[in-house]
Amino acid sequence: MTKAIKYTKTFKKQFKKRCQDPKWRSVFKSSLPQELDEQERSPWEFIVQCLIEDRTIPDYFYPHALEGLRDLKKQIKRQLNDANMTVIILELHFDGHNGDHLLVYVPTGKTVFLAGIGTHSELFG
């Protein structure tokens, strides 16, 4: 099953900045090791494809749930017009478990919301 990708306003602003930031070049321009991706896509391209195709994200990216973020949960429920749905907010690290290039996303039935992209301090500081 393929999923649609939607973006929060916050994500759009953050993404624009990250694309211009040389510190993020490895996320958008470099290739993943061949063991992870035979097609040698960038971490960004690889992850977006995994989200669209609803594939399991490899442990290398350390996908894990985030607690709290009540406002973001409300925003997603509002966008989906479903106040009763359970919203799980996830985070992954583009550059491995100890990396600081993060993506915050919210998978739902037919849609994945990209909610934030940045470092720990930019997103949660």
PDB file of N, CA and C in Angstrom:
ATOM      1  N   MET A   1       0.846  -1.187   0.000  1.00  0.00           N
ATOM      2  CA  MET A   1       0.000   0.000   0.000  1.00  0.00           C
ATOM      3  C   MET A   1       0.890   1.248   0.000  1.00  0.00           C
ATOM      4  N   THR A   2       0.582   2.170  -0.863  1.00  0.00           N
ATOM      5  CA  THR A   2       1.341   3.419  -0.854  1.00  0.00           C
ATOM      6  C   THR A   2       0.613   4.450  -0.013  1.00  0.00           C
ATOM      7  N   LYS A   3       1.402   5.287   0.616  1.00  0.00           N
ATOM      8  CA  LYS A   3       0.851   6.336   1.479  1.00  0.00           C
ATOM      9  C   LYS A   3       1.168   7.700   0.876  1.00  0.00           C
ATOM     10  N   ALA A   4       0.304   8.643   1.152  1.00  0.00           N
ATOM     11  CA  ALA A   4       0.543  10.023   0.742  1.00  0.00           C
ATOM     12  C   ALA A   4       1.424  10.696   1.783  1.00  0.00           C
ATOM     13  N   ILE A   5       2.261  11.602   1.325  1.00  0.00           N
ATOM     14  CA  ILE A   5       3.098  12.395   2.230  1.00  0.00           C
ATOM     15  C   ILE A   5       2.491  13.785   2.323  1.00  0.00           C
ATOM     16  N   LYS A   6       2.283  14.251   3.549  1.00  0.00           N
ATOM     17  CA  LYS A   6       1.809  15.616   3.781  1.00  0.00           C
ATOM     18  C   LYS A   6       2.795  16.295   4.715  1.00  0.00           C
ATOM     19  N   TYR A   7       2.836  17.612   4.647  1.00  0.00           N
ATOM     20  CA  TYR A   7       3.802  18.383   5.410  1.00  0.00           C
ATOM     21  C   TYR A   7       3.091  19.380   6.302  1.00  0.00           C
ATOM     22  N   THR A   8       3.586  19.523   7.528  1.00  0.00           N
ATOM     23  CA  THR A   8       3.073  20.592   8.381  1.00  0.00           C
ATOM     24  C   THR A   8       3.745  21.897   7.938  1.00  0.00           C
ATOM     25  N   LYS A   9       3.143  23.015   8.301  1.00  0.00           N
ATOM     26  CA  LYS A   9       3.737  24.315   7.965  1.00  0.00           C
ATOM     27  C   LYS A   9       5.131  24.439   8.564  1.00  0.00           C
ATOM     28  N   THR A  10       5.266  23.990   9.791  1.00  0.00           N
ATOM     29  CA  THR A  10       6.564  24.042  10.470  1.00  0.00           C
ATOM     30  C   THR A  10       7.604  23.254   9.689  1.00  0.00           C
ATOM     31  N   PHE A  11       7.237  22.064   9.242  1.00  0.00           N
ATOM     32  CA  PHE A  11       8.176  21.235   8.483  1.00  0.00           C
ATOM     33  C   PHE A  11       8.626  21.962   7.218  1.00  0.00           C
ATOM     34  N   LYS A  12       7.705  22.558   6.493  1.00  0.00           N
ATOM     35  CA  LYS A  12       8.046  23.241   5.236  1.00  0.00           C
ATOM     36  C   LYS A  12       9.103  24.314   5.458  1.00  0.00           C
ATOM     37  N   LYS A  13       8.945  25.103   6.524  1.00  0.00           N
ATOM     38  CA  LYS A  13       9.922  26.148   6.838  1.00  0.00           C
ATOM     39  C   LYS A  13      11.280  25.537   7.200  1.00  0.00           C
ATOM     40  N   GLN A  14      11.242  24.520   8.048  1.00  0.00           N
ATOM     41  CA  GLN A  14      12.480  23.878   8.478  1.00  0.00           C
ATOM     42  C   GLN A  14      13.187  23.218   7.296  1.00  0.00           C
ATOM     43  N   PHE A  15      12.432  22.557   6.439  1.00  0.00           N
ATOM     44  CA  PHE A  15      13.003  21.842   5.302  1.00  0.00           C
ATOM     45  C   PHE A  15      13.735  22.802   4.365  1.00  0.00           C
ATOM     46  N   LYS A  16      13.129  23.933   4.113  1.00  0.00           N
ATOM     47  CA  LYS A  16      13.743  24.936   3.235  1.00  0.00           C
ATOM     48  C   LYS A  16      15.109  25.354   3.786  1.00  0.00           C
ATOM     49  N   LYS A  17      15.187  25.578   5.097  1.00  0.00           N
ATOM     50  CA  LYS A  17      16.450  25.967   5.734  1.00  0.00           C
ATOM     51  C   LYS A  17      17.473  24.830   5.667  1.00  0.00           C
ATOM     52  N   ARG A  18      17.037  23.610   5.940  1.00  0.00           N
ATOM     53  CA  ARG A  18      17.963  22.472   5.960  1.00  0.00           C
ATOM     54  C   ARG A  18      18.545  22.207   4.574  1.00  0.00           C
ATOM     55  N   CYS A  19      17.762  22.395   3.532  1.00  0.00           N
ATOM     56  CA  CYS A  19      18.258  22.157   2.169  1.00  0.00           C
ATOM     57  C   CYS A  19      19.380  23.122   1.804  1.00  0.00           C
ATOM     58  N   GLN A  20      19.379  24.298   2.407  1.00  0.00           N
ATOM     59  CA  GLN A  20      20.400  25.309   2.116  1.00  0.00           C
ATOM     60  C   GLN A  20      21.597  25.225   3.064  1.00  0.00           C
ATOM     61  N   ASP A  21      21.489  24.435   4.103  1.00  0.00           N
ATOM     62  CA  ASP A  21      22.527  24.340   5.127  1.00  0.00           C
ATOM     63  C   ASP A  21      23.576  23.297   4.716  1.00  0.00           C
ATOM     64  N   PRO A  22      24.854  23.709   4.550  1.00  0.00           N
ATOM     65  CA  PRO A  22      25.901  22.751   4.161  1.00  0.00           C
ATOM     66  C   PRO A  22      26.060  21.585   5.142  1.00  0.00           C
ATOM     67  N   LYS A  23      25.690  21.782   6.412  1.00  0.00           N
ATOM     68  CA  LYS A  23      25.799  20.707   7.404  1.00  0.00           C
ATOM     69  C   LYS A  23      24.825  19.568   7.105  1.00  0.00           C
ATOM     70  N   TRP A  24      23.827  19.823   6.270  1.00  0.00           N
ATOM     71  CA  TRP A  24      22.827  18.816   5.927  1.00  0.00           C
ATOM     72  C   TRP A  24      23.087  18.176   4.573  1.00  0.00           C
ATOM     73  N   ARG A  25      24.196  18.539   3.934  1.00  0.00           N
ATOM     74  CA  ARG A  25      24.505  18.010   2.598  1.00  0.00           C
ATOM     75  C   ARG A  25      24.522  16.477   2.591  1.00  0.00           C
ATOM     76  N   SER A  26      25.058  15.883   3.660  1.00  0.00           N
ATOM     77  CA  SER A  26      25.144  14.413   3.713  1.00  0.00           C
ATOM     78  C   SER A  26      23.763  13.756   3.695  1.00  0.00           C
ATOM     79  N   VAL A  27      22.770  14.430   4.237  1.00  0.00           N
ATOM     80  CA  VAL A  27      21.409  13.876   4.272  1.00  0.00           C
ATOM     81  C   VAL A  27      20.754  13.920   2.893  1.00  0.00           C
ATOM     82  N   PHE A  28      21.008  14.999   2.155  1.00  0.00           N
ATOM     83  CA  PHE A  28      20.323  15.196   0.872  1.00  0.00           C
ATOM     84  C   PHE A  28      21.141  14.794  -0.350  1.00  0.00           C
ATOM     85  N   LYS A  29      22.465  14.782  -0.236  1.00  0.00           N
ATOM     86  CA  LYS A  29      23.308  14.582  -1.420  1.00  0.00           C
ATOM     87  C   LYS A  29      24.133  13.299  -1.418  1.00  0.00           C
ATOM     88  N   SER A  30      24.577  12.836  -0.258  1.00  0.00           N
ATOM     89  CA  SER A  30      25.464  11.670  -0.241  1.00  0.00           C
ATOM     90  C   SER A  30      24.658  10.375  -0.338  1.00  0.00           C
ATOM     91  N   SER A  31      25.344   9.309  -0.707  1.00  0.00           N
ATOM     92  CA  SER A  31      24.693   8.001  -0.857  1.00  0.00           C
ATOM     93  C   SER A  31      24.822   7.193   0.424  1.00  0.00           C
ATOM     94  N   LEU A  32      23.815   6.397   0.674  1.00  0.00           N
ATOM     95  CA  LEU A  32      23.873   5.458   1.795  1.00  0.00           C
ATOM     96  C   LEU A  32      24.839   4.326   1.450  1.00  0.00           C
ATOM     97  N   PRO A  33      25.402   3.655   2.452  1.00  0.00           N
ATOM     98  CA  PRO A  33      26.238   2.481   2.171  1.00  0.00           C
ATOM     99  C   PRO A  33      25.419   1.426   1.412  1.00  0.00           C
ATOM    100  N   GLN A  34      26.087   0.689   0.544  1.00  0.00           N
ATOM    101  CA  GLN A  34      25.398  -0.282  -0.303  1.00  0.00           C
ATOM    102  C   GLN A  34      24.688  -1.370   0.504  1.00  0.00           C
ATOM    103  N   GLU A  35      25.200  -1.674   1.716  1.00  0.00           N
ATOM    104  CA  GLU A  35      24.527  -2.680   2.546  1.00  0.00           C
ATOM    105  C   GLU A  35      23.113  -2.228   2.922  1.00  0.00           C
ATOM    106  N   LEU A  36      22.925  -0.922   3.057  1.00  0.00           N
ATOM    107  CA  LEU A  36      21.611  -0.377   3.421  1.00  0.00           C
ATOM    108  C   LEU A  36      20.723  -0.179   2.198  1.00  0.00           C
ATOM    109  N   ASP A  37      21.328   0.265   1.101  1.00  0.00           N
ATOM    110  CA  ASP A  37      20.544   0.618  -0.076  1.00  0.00           C
ATOM    111  C   ASP A  37      21.342   0.343  -1.334  1.00  0.00           C
ATOM    112  N   GLU A  38      20.955  -0.705  -2.058  1.00  0.00           N
ATOM    113  CA  GLU A  38      21.656  -1.073  -3.285  1.00  0.00           C
ATOM    114  C   GLU A  38      21.546   0.005  -4.361  1.00  0.00           C
ATOM    115  N   GLN A  39      20.509   0.841  -4.264  1.00  0.00           N
ATOM    116  CA  GLN A  39      20.309   1.891  -5.270  1.00  0.00           C
ATOM    117  C   GLN A  39      21.155   3.133  -4.969  1.00  0.00           C
ATOM    118  N   GLU A  40      21.850   3.122  -3.843  1.00  0.00           N
ATOM    119  CA  GLU A  40      22.739   4.216  -3.443  1.00  0.00           C
ATOM    120  C   GLU A  40      22.045   5.581  -3.423  1.00  0.00           C
ATOM    121  N   ARG A  41      20.836   5.591  -2.884  1.00  0.00           N
ATOM    122  CA  ARG A  41      20.110   6.854  -2.728  1.00  0.00           C
ATOM    123  C   ARG A  41      20.631   7.615  -1.517  1.00  0.00           C
ATOM    124  N   SER A  42      20.266   8.893  -1.455  1.00  0.00           N
ATOM    125  CA  SER A  42      20.607   9.688  -0.274  1.00  0.00           C
ATOM    126  C   SER A  42      19.733   9.213   0.886  1.00  0.00           C
ATOM    127  N   PRO A  43      20.150   9.478   2.123  1.00  0.00           N
ATOM    128  CA  PRO A  43      19.296   9.102   3.261  1.00  0.00           C
ATOM    129  C   PRO A  43      17.888   9.689   3.127  1.00  0.00           C
ATOM    130  N   TRP A  44      17.778  10.934   2.678  1.00  0.00           N
ATOM    131  CA  TRP A  44      16.470  11.576   2.504  1.00  0.00           C
ATOM    132  C   TRP A  44      15.604  10.804   1.512  1.00  0.00           C
ATOM    133  N   GLU A  45      16.149  10.513   0.323  1.00  0.00           N
ATOM    134  CA  GLU A  45      15.387   9.797  -0.706  1.00  0.00           C
ATOM    135  C   GLU A  45      14.968   8.409  -0.216  1.00  0.00           C
ATOM    136  N   PHE A  46      15.888   7.730   0.461  1.00  0.00           N
ATOM    137  CA  PHE A  46      15.619   6.387   0.961  1.00  0.00           C
ATOM    138  C   PHE A  46      14.468   6.394   1.959  1.00  0.00           C
ATOM    139  N   ILE A  47      14.536   7.306   2.925  1.00  0.00           N
ATOM    140  CA  ILE A  47      13.511   7.369   3.969  1.00  0.00           C
ATOM    141  C   ILE A  47      12.152   7.742   3.383  1.00  0.00           C
ATOM    142  N   VAL A  48      12.109   8.731   2.525  1.00  0.00           N
ATOM    143  CA  VAL A  48      10.832   9.139   1.921  1.00  0.00           C
ATOM    144  C   VAL A  48      10.216   7.959   1.164  1.00  0.00           C
ATOM    145  N   GLN A  49      11.036   7.206   0.437  1.00  0.00           N
ATOM    146  CA  GLN A  49      10.529   6.043  -0.295  1.00  0.00           C
ATOM    147  C   GLN A  49       9.993   4.987   0.672  1.00  0.00           C
ATOM    148  N   CYS A  50      10.693   4.754   1.785  1.00  0.00           N
ATOM    149  CA  CYS A  50      10.209   3.806   2.804  1.00  0.00           C
ATOM    150  C   CYS A  50       8.850   4.248   3.347  1.00  0.00           C
ATOM    151  N   LEU A  51       8.709   5.548   3.615  1.00  0.00           N
ATOM    152  CA  LEU A  51       7.444   6.052   4.162  1.00  0.00           C
ATOM    153  C   LEU A  51       6.308   5.922   3.150  1.00  0.00           C
ATOM    154  N   ILE A  52       6.567   6.260   1.901  1.00  0.00           N
ATOM    155  CA  ILE A  52       5.538   6.165   0.856  1.00  0.00           C
ATOM    156  C   ILE A  52       5.104   4.717   0.668  1.00  0.00           C
ATOM    157  N   GLU A  53       6.070   3.809   0.645  1.00  0.00           N
ATOM    158  CA  GLU A  53       5.777   2.392   0.397  1.00  0.00           C
ATOM    159  C   GLU A  53       5.421   1.630   1.674  1.00  0.00           C
ATOM    160  N   ASP A  54       5.366   2.324   2.801  1.00  0.00           N
ATOM    161  CA  ASP A  54       5.014   1.723   4.088  1.00  0.00           C
ATOM    162  C   ASP A  54       5.936   0.551   4.435  1.00  0.00           C
ATOM    163  N   ARG A  55       7.224   0.716   4.121  1.00  0.00           N
ATOM    164  CA  ARG A  55       8.220  -0.307   4.438  1.00  0.00           C
ATOM    165  C   ARG A  55       8.826  -0.030   5.803  1.00  0.00           C
ATOM    166  N   THR A  56       9.305  -1.065   6.438  1.00  0.00           N
ATOM    167  CA  THR A  56       9.981  -0.928   7.725  1.00  0.00           C
ATOM    168  C   THR A  56      11.276  -0.148   7.540  1.00  0.00           C
ATOM    169  N   ILE A  57      11.495   0.830   8.391  1.00  0.00           N
ATOM    170  CA  ILE A  57      12.719   1.623   8.339  1.00  0.00           C
ATOM    171  C   ILE A  57      13.815   0.849   9.068  1.00  0.00           C
ATOM    172  N   PRO A  58      14.976   0.666   8.421  1.00  0.00           N
ATOM    173  CA  PRO A  58      16.055  -0.114   9.043  1.00  0.00           C
ATOM    174  C   PRO A  58      16.491   0.471  10.393  1.00  0.00           C
ATOM    175  N   ASP A  59      16.936  -0.416  11.283  1.00  0.00           N
ATOM    176  CA  ASP A  59      17.384  -0.021  12.620  1.00  0.00           C
ATOM    177  C   ASP A  59      18.505   1.015  12.585  1.00  0.00           C
ATOM    178  N   TYR A  60      19.285   1.041  11.507  1.00  0.00           N
ATOM    179  CA  TYR A  60      20.367   2.024  11.376  1.00  0.00           C
ATOM    180  C   TYR A  60      19.864   3.441  11.664  1.00  0.00           C
ATOM    181  N   PHE A  61      18.642   3.747  11.241  1.00  0.00           N
ATOM    182  CA  PHE A  61      18.072   5.091  11.387  1.00  0.00           C
ATOM    183  C   PHE A  61      17.456   5.329  12.766  1.00  0.00           C
ATOM    184  N   TYR A  62      17.455   4.313  13.594  1.00  0.00           N
ATOM    185  CA  TYR A  62      16.956   4.399  14.967  1.00  0.00           C
ATOM    186  C   TYR A  62      15.565   5.048  15.041  1.00  0.00           C
ATOM    187  N   PRO A  63      14.590   4.470  14.337  1.00  0.00           N
ATOM    188  CA  PRO A  63      13.230   5.021  14.459  1.00  0.00           C
ATOM    189  C   PRO A  63      12.657   4.696  15.833  1.00  0.00           C
ATOM    190  N   HIS A  64      12.090   5.703  16.489  1.00  0.00           N
ATOM    191  CA  HIS A  64      11.528   5.478  17.826  1.00  0.00           C
ATOM    192  C   HIS A  64      10.426   6.506  18.088  1.00  0.00           C
ATOM    193  N   ALA A  65       9.552   6.137  19.026  1.00  0.00           N
ATOM    194  CA  ALA A  65       8.411   6.998  19.368  1.00  0.00           C
ATOM    195  C   ALA A  65       8.867   8.153  20.256  1.00  0.00           C
ATOM    196  N   LEU A  66       8.181   9.275  20.125  1.00  0.00           N
ATOM    197  CA  LEU A  66       8.404  10.436  20.979  1.00  0.00           C
ATOM    198  C   LEU A  66       7.208  10.596  21.899  1.00  0.00           C
ATOM    199  N   GLU A  67       7.463  10.970  23.119  1.00  0.00           N
ATOM    200  CA  GLU A  67       6.395  11.207  24.084  1.00  0.00           C
ATOM    201  C   GLU A  67       6.038  12.695  24.106  1.00  0.00           C
ATOM    202  N   GLY A  68       4.861  12.981  24.583  1.00  0.00           N
ATOM    203  CA  GLY A  68       4.429  14.379  24.702  1.00  0.00           C
ATOM    204  C   GLY A  68       3.977  14.948  23.373  1.00  0.00           C
ATOM    205  N   LEU A  69       4.419  16.155  23.060  1.00  0.00           N
ATOM    206  CA  LEU A  69       4.087  16.849  21.816  1.00  0.00           C
ATOM    207  C   LEU A  69       2.578  16.905  21.572  1.00  0.00           C
ATOM    208  N   ARG A  70       1.841  17.256  22.604  1.00  0.00           N
ATOM    209  CA  ARG A  70       0.381  17.313  22.571  1.00  0.00           C
ATOM    210  C   ARG A  70      -0.149  18.208  21.447  1.00  0.00           C
ATOM    211  N   ASP A  71       0.510  19.363  21.236  1.00  0.00           N
ATOM    212  CA  ASP A  71       0.038  20.293  20.200  1.00  0.00           C
ATOM    213  C   ASP A  71       0.134  19.680  18.811  1.00  0.00           C
ATOM    214  N   LEU A  72       1.219  18.960  18.555  1.00  0.00           N
ATOM    215  CA  LEU A  72       1.378  18.312  17.254  1.00  0.00           C
ATOM    216  C   LEU A  72       0.310  17.242  17.055  1.00  0.00           C
ATOM    217  N   LYS A  73       0.029  16.472  18.090  1.00  0.00           N
ATOM    218  CA  LYS A  73      -1.021  15.451  17.995  1.00  0.00           C
ATOM    219  C   LYS A  73      -2.370  16.087  17.656  1.00  0.00           C
ATOM    220  N   LYS A  74      -2.680  17.204  18.319  1.00  0.00           N
ATOM    221  CA  LYS A  74      -3.942  17.908  18.041  1.00  0.00           C
ATOM    222  C   LYS A  74      -3.987  18.390  16.601  1.00  0.00           C
ATOM    223  N   GLN A  75      -2.858  18.926  16.127  1.00  0.00           N
ATOM    224  CA  GLN A  75      -2.793  19.434  14.763  1.00  0.00           C
ATOM    225  C   GLN A  75      -3.066  18.318  13.745  1.00  0.00           C
ATOM    226  N   ILE A  76      -2.476  17.154  13.948  1.00  0.00           N
ATOM    227  CA  ILE A  76      -2.670  16.027  13.027  1.00  0.00           C
ATOM    228  C   ILE A  76      -4.121  15.568  13.065  1.00  0.00           C
ATOM    229  N   LYS A  77      -4.694  15.452  14.257  1.00  0.00           N
ATOM    230  CA  LYS A  77      -6.096  15.047  14.386  1.00  0.00           C
ATOM    231  C   LYS A  77      -7.013  16.030  13.669  1.00  0.00           C
ATOM    232  N   ARG A  78      -6.695  17.319  13.794  1.00  0.00           N
ATOM    233  CA  ARG A  78      -7.494  18.344  13.122  1.00  0.00           C
ATOM    234  C   ARG A  78      -7.398  18.194  11.599  1.00  0.00           C
ATOM    235  N   GLN A  79      -6.183  17.983  11.101  1.00  0.00           N
ATOM    236  CA  GLN A  79      -5.997  17.848   9.654  1.00  0.00           C
ATOM    237  C   GLN A  79      -6.708  16.617   9.111  1.00  0.00           C
ATOM    238  N   LEU A  80      -6.801  15.579   9.916  1.00  0.00           N
ATOM    239  CA  LEU A  80      -7.471  14.353   9.467  1.00  0.00           C
ATOM    240  C   LEU A  80      -8.950  14.322   9.826  1.00  0.00           C
ATOM    241  N   ASN A  81      -9.406  15.345  10.540  1.00  0.00           N
ATOM    242  CA  ASN A  81     -10.811  15.430  10.929  1.00  0.00           C
ATOM    243  C   ASN A  81     -11.243  14.229  11.772  1.00  0.00           C
ATOM    244  N   ASP A  82     -10.380  13.803  12.692  1.00  0.00           N
ATOM    245  CA  ASP A  82     -10.682  12.649  13.530  1.00  0.00           C
ATOM    246  C   ASP A  82     -10.118  12.883  14.936  1.00  0.00           C
ATOM    247  N   ALA A  83     -10.929  13.463  15.796  1.00  0.00           N
ATOM    248  CA  ALA A  83     -10.483  13.827  17.141  1.00  0.00           C
ATOM    249  C   ALA A  83     -10.198  12.611  18.017  1.00  0.00           C
ATOM    250  N   ASN A  84     -10.712  11.439  17.652  1.00  0.00           N
ATOM    251  CA  ASN A  84     -10.570  10.247  18.493  1.00  0.00           C
ATOM    252  C   ASN A  84      -9.419   9.331  18.096  1.00  0.00           C
ATOM    253  N   MET A  85      -8.753   9.630  17.001  1.00  0.00           N
ATOM    254  CA  MET A  85      -7.710   8.716  16.542  1.00  0.00           C
ATOM    255  C   MET A  85      -6.491   8.757  17.472  1.00  0.00           C
ATOM    256  N   THR A  86      -5.760   7.649  17.505  1.00  0.00           N
ATOM    257  CA  THR A  86      -4.522   7.579  18.259  1.00  0.00           C
ATOM    258  C   THR A  86      -3.396   8.042  17.353  1.00  0.00           C
ATOM    259  N   VAL A  87      -2.652   9.036  17.799  1.00  0.00           N
ATOM    260  CA  VAL A  87      -1.555   9.583  17.011  1.00  0.00           C
ATOM    261  C   VAL A  87      -0.236   9.188  17.677  1.00  0.00           C
ATOM    262  N   ILE A  88       0.619   8.536  16.904  1.00  0.00           N
ATOM    263  CA  ILE A  88       1.944   8.160  17.391  1.00  0.00           C
ATOM    264  C   ILE A  88       2.969   8.976  16.618  1.00  0.00           C
ATOM    265  N   ILE A  89       3.769   9.718  17.350  1.00  0.00           N
ATOM    266  CA  ILE A  89       4.788  10.564  16.733  1.00  0.00           C
ATOM    267  C   ILE A  89       6.124   9.823  16.807  1.00  0.00           C
ATOM    268  N   LEU A  90       6.779   9.720  15.658  1.00  0.00           N
ATOM    269  CA  LEU A  90       8.045   9.002  15.577  1.00  0.00           C
ATOM    270  C   LEU A  90       9.171   9.944  15.166  1.00  0.00           C
ATOM    271  N   GLU A  91      10.367   9.529  15.497  1.00  0.00           N
ATOM    272  CA  GLU A  91      11.569  10.280  15.120  1.00  0.00           C
ATOM    273  C   GLU A  91      12.573   9.280  14.580  1.00  0.00           C
ATOM    274  N   LEU A  92      13.372   9.711  13.614  1.00  0.00           N
ATOM    275  CA  LEU A  92      14.477   8.890  13.145  1.00  0.00           C
ATOM    276  C   LEU A  92      15.709   9.768  12.978  1.00  0.00           C
ATOM    277  N   HIS A  93      16.866   9.112  12.904  1.00  0.00           N
ATOM    278  CA  HIS A  93      18.150   9.788  12.763  1.00  0.00           C
ATOM    279  C   HIS A  93      18.701   9.440  11.387  1.00  0.00           C
ATOM    280  N   PHE A  94      18.810  10.409  10.497  1.00  0.00           N
ATOM    281  CA  PHE A  94      19.315  10.156   9.151  1.00  0.00           C
ATOM    282  C   PHE A  94      20.719   9.587   9.163  1.00  0.00           C
ATOM    283  N   ASP A  95      21.502   9.942  10.188  1.00  0.00           N
ATOM    284  CA  ASP A  95      22.907   9.552  10.218  1.00  0.00           C
ATOM    285  C   ASP A  95      23.210   8.558  11.339  1.00  0.00           C
ATOM    286  N   GLY A  96      22.286   7.668  11.581  1.00  0.00           N
ATOM    287  CA  GLY A  96      22.520   6.608  12.546  1.00  0.00           C
ATOM    288  C   GLY A  96      22.124   6.983  13.968  1.00  0.00           C
ATOM    289  N   HIS A  97      22.202   6.020  14.857  1.00  0.00           N
ATOM    290  CA  HIS A  97      21.714   6.134  16.230  1.00  0.00           C
ATOM    291  C   HIS A  97      22.248   7.362  16.974  1.00  0.00           C
ATOM    292  N   ASN A  98      23.516   7.675  16.805  1.00  0.00           N
ATOM    293  CA  ASN A  98      24.118   8.798  17.530  1.00  0.00           C
ATOM    294  C   ASN A  98      24.103  10.096  16.732  1.00  0.00           C
ATOM    295  N   GLY A  99      23.519  10.085  15.551  1.00  0.00           N
ATOM    296  CA  GLY A  99      23.506  11.275  14.709  1.00  0.00           C
ATOM    297  C   GLY A  99      22.543  12.335  15.215  1.00  0.00           C
ATOM    298  N   ASP A 100      22.694  13.534  14.684  1.00  0.00           N
ATOM    299  CA  ASP A 100      21.853  14.640  15.129  1.00  0.00           C
ATOM    300  C   ASP A 100      21.107  15.303  13.951  1.00  0.00           C
ATOM    301  N   HIS A 101      20.865  14.547  12.895  1.00  0.00           N
ATOM    302  CA  HIS A 101      20.034  15.006  11.783  1.00  0.00           C
ATOM    303  C   HIS A 101      18.730  14.213  11.873  1.00  0.00           C
ATOM    304  N   LEU A 102      17.685  14.875  12.358  1.00  0.00           N
ATOM    305  CA  LEU A 102      16.455  14.172  12.742  1.00  0.00           C
ATOM    306  C   LEU A 102      15.275  14.482  11.832  1.00  0.00           C
ATOM    307  N   LEU A 103      14.379  13.519  11.738  1.00  0.00           N
ATOM    308  CA  LEU A 103      13.098  13.703  11.075  1.00  0.00           C
ATOM    309  C   LEU A 103      12.016  13.277  12.058  1.00  0.00           C
ATOM    310  N   VAL A 104      11.038  14.157  12.268  1.00  0.00           N
ATOM    311  CA  VAL A 104       9.877  13.836  13.097  1.00  0.00           C
ATOM    312  C   VAL A 104       8.712  13.609  12.138  1.00  0.00           C
ATOM    313  N   TYR A 105       8.058  12.458  12.283  1.00  0.00           N
ATOM    314  CA  TYR A 105       6.983  12.112  11.355  1.00  0.00           C
ATOM    315  C   TYR A 105       5.868  11.381  12.084  1.00  0.00           C
ATOM    316  N   VAL A 106       4.692  11.404  11.444  1.00  0.00           N
ATOM    317  CA  VAL A 106       3.508  10.805  12.050  1.00  0.00           C
ATOM    318  C   VAL A 106       2.823   9.934  11.002  1.00  0.00           C
ATOM    319  N   PRO A 107       3.000   8.612  11.080  1.00  0.00           N
ATOM    320  CA  PRO A 107       2.298   7.740  10.140  1.00  0.00           C
ATOM    321  C   PRO A 107       0.855   7.517  10.593  1.00  0.00           C
ATOM    322  N   THR A 108      -0.067   7.624   9.669  1.00  0.00           N
ATOM    323  CA  THR A 108      -1.471   7.310   9.940  1.00  0.00           C
ATOM    324  C   THR A 108      -1.915   6.325   8.864  1.00  0.00           C
ATOM    325  N   GLY A 109      -3.174   5.997   8.832  1.00  0.00           N
ATOM    326  CA  GLY A 109      -3.675   4.992   7.898  1.00  0.00           C
ATOM    327  C   GLY A 109      -3.193   5.137   6.470  1.00  0.00           C
ATOM    328  N   LYS A 110      -3.541   6.236   5.819  1.00  0.00           N
ATOM    329  CA  LYS A 110      -3.207   6.420   4.404  1.00  0.00           C
ATOM    330  C   LYS A 110      -2.199   7.529   4.164  1.00  0.00           C
ATOM    331  N   THR A 111      -1.767   8.194   5.230  1.00  0.00           N
ATOM    332  CA  THR A 111      -0.933   9.388   5.103  1.00  0.00           C
ATOM    333  C   THR A 111       0.216   9.349   6.105  1.00  0.00           C
ATOM    334  N   VAL A 112       1.349   9.908   5.690  1.00  0.00           N
ATOM    335  CA  VAL A 112       2.459  10.145   6.621  1.00  0.00           C
ATOM    336  C   VAL A 112       2.675  11.647   6.653  1.00  0.00           C
ATOM    337  N   PHE A 113       2.589  12.217   7.850  1.00  0.00           N
ATOM    338  CA  PHE A 113       2.825  13.650   8.023  1.00  0.00           C
ATOM    339  C   PHE A 113       4.283  13.855   8.399  1.00  0.00           C
ATOM    340  N   LEU A 114       4.980  14.683   7.647  1.00  0.00           N
ATOM    341  CA  LEU A 114       6.324  15.078   8.029  1.00  0.00           C
ATOM    342  C   LEU A 114       6.161  16.326   8.873  1.00  0.00           C
ATOM    343  N   ALA A 115       6.605  16.245  10.131  1.00  0.00           N
ATOM    344  CA  ALA A 115       6.292  17.293  11.104  1.00  0.00           C
ATOM    345  C   ALA A 115       7.485  18.151  11.487  1.00  0.00           C
ATOM    346  N   GLY A 116       8.709  17.636  11.351  1.00  0.00           N
ATOM    347  CA  GLY A 116       9.869  18.424  11.724  1.00  0.00           C
ATOM    348  C   GLY A 116      11.144  17.815  11.171  1.00  0.00           C
ATOM    349  N   ILE A 117      12.117  18.681  10.870  1.00  0.00           N
ATOM    350  CA  ILE A 117      13.426  18.234  10.426  1.00  0.00           C
ATOM    351  C   ILE A 117      14.453  19.200  10.984  1.00  0.00           C
ATOM    352  N   GLY A 118      15.445  18.657  11.684  1.00  0.00           N
ATOM    353  CA  GLY A 118      16.455  19.509  12.302  1.00  0.00           C
ATOM    354  C   GLY A 118      17.284  18.715  13.294  1.00  0.00           C
ATOM    355  N   THR A 119      18.060  19.434  14.090  1.00  0.00           N
ATOM    356  CA  THR A 119      18.851  18.797  15.136  1.00  0.00           C
ATOM    357  C   THR A 119      18.012  18.742  16.417  1.00  0.00           C
ATOM    358  N   HIS A 120      18.519  18.020  17.422  1.00  0.00           N
ATOM    359  CA  HIS A 120      17.796  17.973  18.695  1.00  0.00           C
ATOM    360  C   HIS A 120      17.535  19.376  19.241  1.00  0.00           C
ATOM    361  N   SER A 121      18.562  20.220  19.242  1.00  0.00           N
ATOM    362  CA  SER A 121      18.396  21.553  19.817  1.00  0.00           C
ATOM    363  C   SER A 121      17.442  22.417  18.996  1.00  0.00           C
ATOM    364  N   GLU A 122      17.438  22.245  17.675  1.00  0.00           N
ATOM    365  CA  GLU A 122      16.522  23.027  16.837  1.00  0.00           C
ATOM    366  C   GLU A 122      15.071  22.595  17.026  1.00  0.00           C
ATOM    367  N   LEU A 123      14.867  21.309  17.202  1.00  0.00           N
ATOM    368  CA  LEU A 123      13.499  20.790  17.307  1.00  0.00           C
ATOM    369  C   LEU A 123      12.939  20.823  18.726  1.00  0.00           C
ATOM    370  N   PHE A 124      13.813  20.580  19.711  1.00  0.00           N
ATOM    371  CA  PHE A 124      13.324  20.414  21.073  1.00  0.00           C
ATOM    372  C   PHE A 124      13.970  21.351  22.078  1.00  0.00           C
ATOM    373  N   GLY A 125      14.854  22.251  21.607  1.00  0.00           N
ATOM    374  CA  GLY A 125      15.621  23.094  22.515  1.00  0.00           C
ATOM    375  C   GLY A 125      14.934  24.282  23.040  1.00  0.00           C
TER     376      GLY A 125
END
